[in-house]
Amino acid sequence: MPVPLNPFLRSKAVRYLFFNWQTESIADELYYSVALIYRIQINIWRYDDSPTRSRFRKMGRPRDITVVARKRLETYLYRFPIASQYKIA
């Protein structure tokens, strides 16, 4: 697991990025890798001026159907078969 960046140094990196410093210069100044500075820069661009990604998932459909939801769907489809839906339409 990566070591979290010090919040003070992260804010310095964000400040330097907003001042349009080169990423290599920021990495040399703060003694961090260039990849970490690039990641902060990409997160600022991707997550609306936030140096870290959001901890909360966005609203929408879940990643995969759960076991309980699959069982309910199967029982619903057994009760109301698809063939009867074609007659309605």
C-alpha atoms as a PDB file:
ATOM      1  CA  MET A   1       0.000   0.000   0.000  1.00  0.00           C
ATOM      2  CA  PRO A   2       1.483   3.375  -0.930  1.00  0.00           C
ATOM      3  CA  VAL A   3       2.481   5.804   1.760  1.00  0.00           C
ATOM      4  CA  PRO A   4       0.072   8.771   1.783  1.00  0.00           C
ATOM      5  CA  LEU A   5       1.539  12.100   0.825  1.00  0.00           C
ATOM      6  CA  ASN A   6       1.886  14.709   3.536  1.00  0.00           C
ATOM      7  CA  PRO A   7      -1.105  17.119   3.165  1.00  0.00           C
ATOM      8  CA  PHE A   8       1.214  20.124   3.444  1.00  0.00           C
ATOM      9  CA  LEU A   9       3.434  18.860   0.618  1.00  0.00           C
ATOM     10  CA  ARG A  10       0.406  17.897  -1.459  1.00  0.00           C
ATOM     11  CA  SER A  11      -0.961  21.431  -1.123  1.00  0.00           C
ATOM     12  CA  LYS A  12       2.443  22.801  -2.125  1.00  0.00           C
ATOM     13  CA  ALA A  13       2.437  20.563  -5.197  1.00  0.00           C
ATOM     14  CA  VAL A  14      -1.069  21.735  -6.123  1.00  0.00           C
ATOM     15  CA  ARG A  15      -0.037  25.353  -5.649  1.00  0.00           C
ATOM     16  CA  TYR A  16       3.013  24.863  -7.872  1.00  0.00           C
ATOM     17  CA  LEU A  17       0.863  23.175 -10.517  1.00  0.00           C
ATOM     18  CA  PHE A  18      -1.537  26.118 -10.518  1.00  0.00           C
ATOM     19  CA  PHE A  19       1.479  28.404 -10.976  1.00  0.00           C
ATOM     20  CA  ASN A  20       2.356  26.334 -14.092  1.00  0.00           C
ATOM     21  CA  TRP A  21       5.620  24.913 -12.789  1.00  0.00           C
ATOM     22  CA  GLN A  22       7.169  21.993 -14.648  1.00  0.00           C
ATOM     23  CA  THR A  23       6.452  18.622 -13.037  1.00  0.00           C
ATOM     24  CA  GLU A  24      10.162  17.760 -12.873  1.00  0.00           C
ATOM     25  CA  SER A  25      10.863  20.996 -10.995  1.00  0.00           C
ATOM     26  CA  ILE A  26       8.082  20.262  -8.498  1.00  0.00           C
ATOM     27  CA  ALA A  27       9.392  16.728  -7.963  1.00  0.00           C
ATOM     28  CA  ASP A  28      12.912  18.065  -7.332  1.00  0.00           C
ATOM     29  CA  GLU A  29      11.608  20.732  -4.951  1.00  0.00           C
ATOM     30  CA  LEU A  30       9.480  18.358  -2.859  1.00  0.00           C
ATOM     31  CA  TYR A  31      11.690  15.237  -3.188  1.00  0.00           C
ATOM     32  CA  TYR A  32       8.911  13.124  -4.675  1.00  0.00           C
ATOM     33  CA  SER A  33       8.701  11.113  -7.871  1.00  0.00           C
ATOM     34  CA  VAL A  34       7.651  12.693 -11.122  1.00  0.00           C
ATOM     35  CA  ALA A  35       4.935  10.047 -11.486  1.00  0.00           C
ATOM     36  CA  LEU A  36       3.319  11.207  -8.247  1.00  0.00           C
ATOM     37  CA  ILE A  37       3.236  14.803  -9.458  1.00  0.00           C
ATOM     38  CA  TYR A  38       1.765  13.677 -12.780  1.00  0.00           C
ATOM     39  CA  ARG A  39      -0.892  11.713 -10.877  1.00  0.00           C
ATOM     40  CA  ILE A  40      -1.830  14.803  -8.860  1.00  0.00           C
ATOM     41  CA  GLN A  41      -1.984  16.822 -12.087  1.00  0.00           C
ATOM     42  CA  ILE A  42      -4.240  14.254 -13.769  1.00  0.00           C
ATOM     43  CA  ASN A  43      -6.496  14.062 -10.689  1.00  0.00           C
ATOM     44  CA  ILE A  44      -6.857  17.855 -10.706  1.00  0.00           C
ATOM     45  CA  TRP A  45      -7.908  17.681 -14.336  1.00  0.00           C
ATOM     46  CA  ARG A  46     -10.159  14.637 -13.932  1.00  0.00           C
ATOM     47  CA  TYR A  47     -11.897  15.288 -10.599  1.00  0.00           C
ATOM     48  CA  ASP A  48     -12.753  18.994 -10.842  1.00  0.00           C
ATOM     49  CA  ASP A  49      -9.754  20.652  -9.147  1.00  0.00           C
ATOM     50  CA  SER A  50      -9.294  17.963  -6.501  1.00  0.00           C
ATOM     51  CA  PRO A  51      -5.791  16.507  -6.044  1.00  0.00           C
ATOM     52  CA  THR A  52      -7.222  13.149  -4.905  1.00  0.00           C
ATOM     53  CA  ARG A  53      -9.945  11.024  -6.344  1.00  0.00           C
ATOM     54  CA  SER A  54     -13.345  11.000  -4.725  1.00  0.00           C
ATOM     55  CA  ARG A  55     -13.922   8.472  -1.964  1.00  0.00           C
ATOM     56  CA  PHE A  56     -17.624   8.250  -2.781  1.00  0.00           C
ATOM     57  CA  ARG A  57     -18.989   6.435  -5.800  1.00  0.00           C
ATOM     58  CA  LYS A  58     -21.068   8.397  -8.203  1.00  0.00           C
ATOM     59  CA  MET A  59     -24.761   7.645  -8.380  1.00  0.00           C
ATOM     60  CA  GLY A  60     -25.747   5.145 -11.005  1.00  0.00           C
ATOM     61  CA  ARG A  61     -26.271   1.488 -11.434  1.00  0.00           C
ATOM     62  CA  PRO A  62     -24.162  -0.899  -9.330  1.00  0.00           C
ATOM     63  CA  ARG A  63     -21.115  -2.584 -10.794  1.00  0.00           C
ATOM     64  CA  ASP A  64     -22.647  -6.040 -10.828  1.00  0.00           C
ATOM     65  CA  ILE A  65     -25.931  -7.653  -9.928  1.00  0.00           C
ATOM     66  CA  THR A  66     -25.952  -9.031  -6.397  1.00  0.00           C
ATOM     67  CA  VAL A  67     -26.932 -12.583  -5.487  1.00  0.00           C
ATOM     68  CA  VAL A  68     -30.160 -11.436  -3.830  1.00  0.00           C
ATOM     69  CA  ALA A  69     -31.110  -9.276  -6.808  1.00  0.00           C
ATOM     70  CA  ARG A  70     -30.376 -12.169  -9.186  1.00  0.00           C
ATOM     71  CA  LYS A  71     -32.663 -14.500  -7.189  1.00  0.00           C
ATOM     72  CA  ARG A  72     -35.458 -11.900  -7.198  1.00  0.00           C
ATOM     73  CA  LEU A  73     -35.050 -11.403 -10.929  1.00  0.00           C
ATOM     74  CA  GLU A  74     -35.212 -15.151 -11.555  1.00  0.00           C
ATOM     75  CA  THR A  75     -38.368 -15.538  -9.471  1.00  0.00           C
ATOM     76  CA  TYR A  76     -39.961 -12.587 -11.257  1.00  0.00           C
ATOM     77  CA  LEU A  77     -39.129 -14.023 -14.662  1.00  0.00           C
ATOM     78  CA  TYR A  78     -40.510 -17.443 -13.632  1.00  0.00           C
ATOM     79  CA  ARG A  79     -43.742 -15.835 -12.440  1.00  0.00           C
ATOM     80  CA  PHE A  80     -44.151 -13.537 -15.436  1.00  0.00           C
ATOM     81  CA  PRO A  81     -42.577 -15.206 -18.459  1.00  0.00           C
ATOM     82  CA  ILE A  82     -41.290 -13.186 -21.377  1.00  0.00           C
ATOM     83  CA  ALA A  83     -43.800 -14.766 -23.802  1.00  0.00           C
ATOM     84  CA  SER A  84     -46.708 -13.023 -22.110  1.00  0.00           C
ATOM     85  CA  GLN A  85     -44.945  -9.680 -22.501  1.00  0.00           C
ATOM     86  CA  TYR A  86     -44.840 -10.131 -26.277  1.00  0.00           C
ATOM     87  CA  LYS A  87     -48.646 -10.493 -26.288  1.00  0.00           C
ATOM     88  CA  ILE A  88     -48.998  -7.162 -24.441  1.00  0.00           C
ATOM     89  CA  ALA A  89     -46.820  -5.275 -26.923  1.00  0.00           C
END
